[in-house]
């Protein structure tokens, strides 16, 4: 193959690959399965405090004002081991904070993802 013929051929193959990848991404975004669930709770907060104050707080003062609301979360997940007929248990840790008087906790999705 001559050098002249190879350059347009490579450019054509590259363009076709880009168009194919773009089409695949479009189809996935349009028809891809989504098993996510977003939960939104409206919470009325009583005894609110201002978001800022005239004097800055020290690290110690911030800790004293907030330490009772911070929680450590330990997640245990169990998954089956293919081919062995058994299961494997794993643990993960994360953090969160209590946001209401019912003891409900706010944390990130990746902390509890896959937990049962």
N, C-alpha and C. Protein backbone atom coordinates (compact mmCIF):
# COMPACT_ATOMS: atom_id res chain seq x y z
N UNK A 1 0.84 -1.17 0.00
CA UNK A 1 0.00 0.00 0.00
C UNK A 1 0.89 1.24 0.00
N UNK A 2 0.54 2.19 -0.78
CA UNK A 2 1.35 3.42 -0.83
C UNK A 2 1.01 4.30 0.36
N UNK A 3 1.91 5.22 0.65
CA UNK A 3 1.72 6.12 1.79
C UNK A 3 0.51 7.02 1.58
N UNK A 4 0.24 7.39 0.36
CA UNK A 4 -0.91 8.25 0.07
C UNK A 4 -2.23 7.56 0.40
N UNK A 5 -2.33 6.30 0.07
CA UNK A 5 -3.57 5.57 0.29
C UNK A 5 -3.76 5.23 1.77
N UNK A 6 -2.67 5.01 2.50
CA UNK A 6 -2.77 4.61 3.90
C UNK A 6 -3.29 5.75 4.79
N UNK A 7 -2.89 6.97 4.58
CA UNK A 7 -3.31 8.10 5.41
C UNK A 7 -4.82 8.32 5.36
N UNK A 8 -5.48 8.38 4.19
CA UNK A 8 -6.94 8.52 4.19
C UNK A 8 -7.64 7.31 4.79
N UNK A 9 -7.06 6.11 4.62
CA UNK A 9 -7.66 4.91 5.18
C UNK A 9 -7.64 4.97 6.71
N UNK A 10 -6.52 5.38 7.29
CA UNK A 10 -6.41 5.51 8.75
C UNK A 10 -7.36 6.59 9.26
N UNK A 11 -7.44 7.71 8.55
CA UNK A 11 -8.35 8.78 8.95
C UNK A 11 -9.80 8.31 8.89
N UNK A 12 -10.15 7.52 7.87
CA UNK A 12 -11.52 7.01 7.74
C UNK A 12 -11.84 6.04 8.87
N UNK A 13 -10.88 5.16 9.19
CA UNK A 13 -11.10 4.21 10.28
C UNK A 13 -11.24 4.92 11.62
N UNK A 14 -10.43 5.94 11.85
CA UNK A 14 -10.50 6.72 13.09
C UNK A 14 -11.84 7.44 13.19
N UNK A 15 -12.30 8.04 12.09
CA UNK A 15 -13.59 8.73 12.09
C UNK A 15 -14.73 7.75 12.35
N UNK A 16 -14.66 6.56 11.76
CA UNK A 16 -15.71 5.56 11.97
C UNK A 16 -15.73 5.10 13.43
N UNK A 17 -14.54 4.94 14.03
CA UNK A 17 -14.48 4.53 15.44
C UNK A 17 -15.09 5.60 16.34
N UNK A 18 -14.81 6.86 16.06
CA UNK A 18 -15.37 7.97 16.87
C UNK A 18 -16.89 8.03 16.75
N UNK A 19 -17.40 7.87 15.54
CA UNK A 19 -18.85 7.90 15.32
C UNK A 19 -19.49 6.71 16.03
N UNK A 20 -18.87 5.53 15.96
CA UNK A 20 -19.40 4.35 16.64
C UNK A 20 -19.43 4.51 18.14
N UNK A 21 -18.34 5.07 18.70
CA UNK A 21 -18.29 5.28 20.15
C UNK A 21 -19.34 6.29 20.58
N UNK A 22 -19.51 7.35 19.81
CA UNK A 22 -20.52 8.36 20.13
C UNK A 22 -21.92 7.79 20.07
N UNK A 23 -22.18 6.96 19.06
CA UNK A 23 -23.49 6.33 18.94
C UNK A 23 -23.76 5.38 20.09
N UNK A 24 -22.72 4.63 20.49
CA UNK A 24 -22.87 3.72 21.63
C UNK A 24 -23.18 4.48 22.91
N UNK A 25 -22.49 5.58 23.14
CA UNK A 25 -22.73 6.39 24.33
C UNK A 25 -24.14 6.96 24.32
N UNK A 26 -24.59 7.39 23.15
CA UNK A 26 -25.95 7.93 23.02
C UNK A 26 -26.99 6.86 23.34
N UNK A 27 -26.81 5.66 22.79
CA UNK A 27 -27.76 4.57 23.06
C UNK A 27 -27.75 4.18 24.53
N UNK A 28 -26.58 4.12 25.14
CA UNK A 28 -26.50 3.76 26.56
C UNK A 28 -27.21 4.79 27.42
N UNK A 29 -27.01 6.08 27.11
CA UNK A 29 -27.66 7.12 27.92
C UNK A 29 -29.17 7.12 27.73
N UNK A 30 -29.64 6.72 26.54
CA UNK A 30 -31.07 6.72 26.27
C UNK A 30 -31.76 5.47 26.82
N UNK A 31 -31.09 4.32 26.73
CA UNK A 31 -31.75 3.06 27.07
C UNK A 31 -31.07 2.29 28.19
N UNK A 32 -29.99 2.79 28.74
CA UNK A 32 -29.26 2.09 29.80
C UNK A 32 -30.13 1.90 31.03
N UNK A 33 -29.93 0.79 31.71
CA UNK A 33 -30.74 0.53 32.89
C UNK A 33 -30.25 1.37 34.05
N UNK A 34 -31.18 1.84 34.83
CA UNK A 34 -30.85 2.67 35.98
C UNK A 34 -31.64 2.15 37.17
N UNK A 35 -30.94 1.59 38.13
CA UNK A 35 -31.59 1.06 39.32
C UNK A 35 -31.37 1.97 40.52
N UNK A 36 -31.20 3.25 40.26
CA UNK A 36 -30.96 4.17 41.36
C UNK A 36 -32.28 4.75 41.84
N UNK A 37 -32.29 5.13 43.09
CA UNK A 37 -33.48 5.72 43.69
C UNK A 37 -33.04 6.91 44.51
N UNK A 38 -33.59 8.05 44.23
CA UNK A 38 -33.26 9.25 44.97
C UNK A 38 -34.38 9.53 45.96
N UNK A 39 -34.03 9.68 47.23
CA UNK A 39 -35.00 9.95 48.27
C UNK A 39 -34.77 11.37 48.77
N UNK A 40 -35.82 12.16 48.75
CA UNK A 40 -35.74 13.54 49.20
C UNK A 40 -36.72 13.72 50.34
N UNK A 41 -36.21 14.17 51.47
CA UNK A 41 -37.06 14.45 52.63
C UNK A 41 -37.01 15.93 52.92
N UNK A 42 -38.17 16.55 53.10
CA UNK A 42 -38.20 17.94 53.51
C UNK A 42 -38.23 17.95 55.03
N UNK A 43 -37.29 18.65 55.62
CA UNK A 43 -37.15 18.67 57.06
C UNK A 43 -37.32 20.10 57.56
N UNK A 44 -38.18 20.27 58.55
CA UNK A 44 -38.33 21.57 59.19
C UNK A 44 -37.37 21.60 60.38
N UNK A 45 -36.49 22.58 60.38
CA UNK A 45 -35.48 22.68 61.43
C UNK A 45 -35.94 23.71 62.45
N UNK A 46 -36.01 23.27 63.71
CA UNK A 46 -36.36 24.18 64.79
C UNK A 46 -35.10 24.61 65.52
N UNK A 47 -35.15 25.66 66.25
CA UNK A 47 -34.01 26.17 67.02
C UNK A 47 -32.79 26.36 66.14
N UNK A 48 -32.99 27.05 65.03
CA UNK A 48 -31.88 27.25 64.10
C UNK A 48 -30.88 28.25 64.64
N UNK A 49 -29.68 28.15 64.13
CA UNK A 49 -28.62 29.07 64.46
C UNK A 49 -28.17 29.73 63.18
N UNK A 50 -27.63 30.94 63.27
CA UNK A 50 -27.16 31.60 62.04
C UNK A 50 -26.00 30.81 61.43
N UNK A 51 -25.90 30.89 60.11
CA UNK A 51 -24.84 30.17 59.40
C UNK A 51 -23.47 30.75 59.68
N UNK A 52 -23.42 32.01 60.03
CA UNK A 52 -22.13 32.62 60.35
C UNK A 52 -22.31 33.53 61.55
N UNK A 53 -21.21 33.85 62.16
CA UNK A 53 -21.27 34.76 63.29
C UNK A 53 -20.24 35.87 63.08
N UNK A 54 -20.33 36.88 63.92
CA UNK A 54 -19.42 38.02 63.77
C UNK A 54 -17.98 37.64 64.15
N UNK A 55 -17.82 36.69 65.05
CA UNK A 55 -16.48 36.28 65.45
C UNK A 55 -16.21 34.86 64.97
N UNK A 56 -15.03 34.60 64.43
CA UNK A 56 -14.74 33.25 63.95
C UNK A 56 -14.60 32.27 65.11
N UNK A 57 -14.95 31.00 64.85
CA UNK A 57 -14.85 29.97 65.88
C UNK A 57 -13.49 29.27 65.78
N UNK A 58 -12.99 28.87 66.91
CA UNK A 58 -11.76 28.08 66.91
C UNK A 58 -12.11 26.63 66.56
N UNK A 59 -11.10 25.83 66.24
CA UNK A 59 -11.33 24.42 65.95
C UNK A 59 -11.95 23.74 67.17
N UNK A 60 -11.49 24.08 68.35
CA UNK A 60 -12.03 23.51 69.58
C UNK A 60 -13.51 23.87 69.75
N UNK A 61 -13.87 25.10 69.46
CA UNK A 61 -15.27 25.53 69.59
C UNK A 61 -16.16 24.81 68.58
N UNK A 62 -15.66 24.62 67.36
CA UNK A 62 -16.43 23.89 66.35
C UNK A 62 -16.65 22.46 66.82
N UNK A 63 -15.61 21.83 67.34
CA UNK A 63 -15.72 20.46 67.84
C UNK A 63 -16.76 20.38 68.96
N UNK A 64 -16.68 21.27 69.94
CA UNK A 64 -17.63 21.24 71.07
C UNK A 64 -19.07 21.42 70.60
N UNK A 65 -19.28 22.21 69.55
CA UNK A 65 -20.64 22.45 69.05
C UNK A 65 -21.19 21.31 68.20
N UNK A 66 -20.34 20.45 67.67
CA UNK A 66 -20.82 19.48 66.69
C UNK A 66 -20.51 18.01 66.98
N UNK A 67 -19.66 17.70 67.95
CA UNK A 67 -19.19 16.32 68.08
C UNK A 67 -20.31 15.31 68.38
N UNK A 68 -21.38 15.73 69.02
CA UNK A 68 -22.45 14.78 69.36
C UNK A 68 -23.25 14.34 68.14
N UNK A 69 -23.16 15.08 67.05
CA UNK A 69 -23.93 14.74 65.85
C UNK A 69 -23.16 13.92 64.84
N UNK A 70 -21.86 13.73 65.03
CA UNK A 70 -21.05 12.98 64.06
C UNK A 70 -21.09 11.50 64.42
N UNK A 71 -21.27 10.66 63.40
CA UNK A 71 -21.36 9.21 63.62
C UNK A 71 -20.36 8.47 62.75
N UNK A 72 -19.94 7.31 63.24
CA UNK A 72 -19.11 6.40 62.45
C UNK A 72 -20.02 5.28 61.98
N UNK A 73 -19.93 4.93 60.71
CA UNK A 73 -20.80 3.92 60.12
C UNK A 73 -19.93 2.73 59.70
N UNK A 74 -20.30 1.54 60.16
CA UNK A 74 -19.62 0.32 59.75
C UNK A 74 -20.61 -0.53 58.96
N UNK A 75 -20.23 -0.88 57.75
CA UNK A 75 -21.09 -1.63 56.84
C UNK A 75 -20.51 -3.03 56.67
N UNK A 76 -21.35 -4.05 56.76
CA UNK A 76 -20.93 -5.41 56.46
C UNK A 76 -21.69 -5.88 55.23
N UNK A 77 -20.96 -6.32 54.22
CA UNK A 77 -21.56 -6.81 52.98
C UNK A 77 -21.19 -8.27 52.81
N UNK A 78 -22.13 -9.05 52.29
CA UNK A 78 -21.89 -10.46 52.01
C UNK A 78 -22.11 -10.69 50.53
N UNK A 79 -21.15 -11.33 49.88
CA UNK A 79 -21.30 -11.64 48.47
C UNK A 79 -20.96 -13.10 48.24
N UNK A 80 -21.59 -13.69 47.23
CA UNK A 80 -21.32 -15.10 46.93
C UNK A 80 -20.03 -15.22 46.14
N UNK A 81 -19.34 -16.34 46.36
CA UNK A 81 -18.09 -16.60 45.65
C UNK A 81 -18.41 -17.58 44.54
N UNK A 82 -18.34 -17.15 43.26
CA UNK A 82 -18.69 -18.04 42.15
C UNK A 82 -17.78 -19.26 42.10
N UNK A 83 -18.38 -20.42 41.87
CA UNK A 83 -17.62 -21.64 41.70
C UNK A 83 -17.30 -22.36 43.00
N UNK A 84 -17.45 -21.69 44.14
CA UNK A 84 -17.12 -22.33 45.41
C UNK A 84 -18.36 -22.60 46.26
N UNK A 85 -19.49 -22.04 45.90
CA UNK A 85 -20.73 -22.27 46.63
C UNK A 85 -20.77 -21.62 48.00
N UNK A 86 -19.86 -20.74 48.29
CA UNK A 86 -19.83 -20.08 49.59
C UNK A 86 -20.07 -18.60 49.47
N UNK A 87 -19.85 -17.92 50.55
CA UNK A 87 -20.01 -16.47 50.54
C UNK A 87 -18.82 -15.83 51.24
N UNK A 88 -18.62 -14.57 50.91
CA UNK A 88 -17.51 -13.82 51.48
C UNK A 88 -18.07 -12.55 52.12
N UNK A 89 -17.61 -12.27 53.32
CA UNK A 89 -18.07 -11.11 54.05
C UNK A 89 -16.98 -10.05 54.05
N UNK A 90 -17.36 -8.80 53.87
CA UNK A 90 -16.39 -7.71 53.92
C UNK A 90 -16.99 -6.54 54.69
N UNK A 91 -16.11 -5.72 55.24
CA UNK A 91 -16.57 -4.56 56.01
C UNK A 91 -15.98 -3.29 55.42
N UNK A 92 -16.72 -2.20 55.57
CA UNK A 92 -16.27 -0.87 55.15
C UNK A 92 -16.71 0.12 56.22
N UNK A 93 -16.04 1.23 56.27
CA UNK A 93 -16.38 2.27 57.25
C UNK A 93 -16.57 3.60 56.55
N UNK A 94 -17.35 4.44 57.18
CA UNK A 94 -17.58 5.79 56.69
C UNK A 94 -18.06 6.65 57.83
N UNK A 95 -18.47 7.84 57.50
CA UNK A 95 -18.96 8.75 58.53
C UNK A 95 -20.22 9.44 58.04
N UNK A 96 -20.91 10.08 58.96
CA UNK A 96 -22.11 10.81 58.64
C UNK A 96 -22.45 11.72 59.80
N UNK A 97 -23.63 12.33 59.73
CA UNK A 97 -24.06 13.17 60.84
C UNK A 97 -25.56 13.03 61.04
N UNK A 98 -25.97 13.17 62.29
CA UNK A 98 -27.38 13.11 62.66
C UNK A 98 -28.00 14.46 62.31
N UNK A 99 -29.13 14.43 61.59
CA UNK A 99 -29.72 15.71 61.20
C UNK A 99 -31.08 15.99 61.80
N UNK A 100 -31.65 15.07 62.56
CA UNK A 100 -32.93 15.38 63.20
C UNK A 100 -33.07 14.63 64.52
N UNK A 101 -34.14 14.92 65.24
CA UNK A 101 -34.34 14.32 66.56
C UNK A 101 -34.77 12.86 66.48
N UNK A 102 -35.11 12.35 65.31
CA UNK A 102 -35.44 10.93 65.14
C UNK A 102 -34.18 10.07 65.04
N UNK A 103 -33.04 10.70 64.92
CA UNK A 103 -31.79 9.96 64.79
C UNK A 103 -31.44 9.59 63.36
N UNK A 104 -32.14 10.19 62.38
CA UNK A 104 -31.81 9.93 60.98
C UNK A 104 -30.41 10.48 60.68
N UNK A 105 -29.67 9.73 59.85
CA UNK A 105 -28.28 10.07 59.57
C UNK A 105 -28.12 10.40 58.09
N UNK A 106 -27.31 11.40 57.79
CA UNK A 106 -26.95 11.75 56.42
C UNK A 106 -25.53 11.24 56.18
N UNK A 107 -25.34 10.52 55.08
CA UNK A 107 -24.02 10.05 54.69
C UNK A 107 -23.95 10.02 53.18
N UNK A 108 -22.80 9.69 52.62
CA UNK A 108 -22.63 9.60 51.17
C UNK A 108 -23.10 8.24 50.67
N UNK A 109 -23.56 8.20 49.42
CA UNK A 109 -24.05 6.97 48.81
C UNK A 109 -22.98 5.89 48.79
N UNK A 110 -21.73 6.26 48.51
CA UNK A 110 -20.68 5.23 48.40
C UNK A 110 -20.41 4.54 49.75
N UNK A 111 -20.81 5.15 50.84
CA UNK A 111 -20.61 4.55 52.15
C UNK A 111 -21.54 3.34 52.34
N UNK A 112 -22.77 3.45 51.87
CA UNK A 112 -23.75 2.39 52.10
C UNK A 112 -24.07 1.58 50.83
N UNK A 113 -23.43 1.89 49.72
CA UNK A 113 -23.69 1.20 48.46
C UNK A 113 -23.33 -0.28 48.59
N UNK A 114 -24.27 -1.15 48.28
CA UNK A 114 -24.04 -2.59 48.34
C UNK A 114 -24.25 -3.20 49.70
N UNK A 115 -24.58 -2.42 50.69
CA UNK A 115 -24.78 -2.96 52.04
C UNK A 115 -26.16 -3.60 52.14
N UNK A 116 -26.24 -4.64 52.94
CA UNK A 116 -27.55 -5.24 53.19
C UNK A 116 -27.73 -5.27 54.69
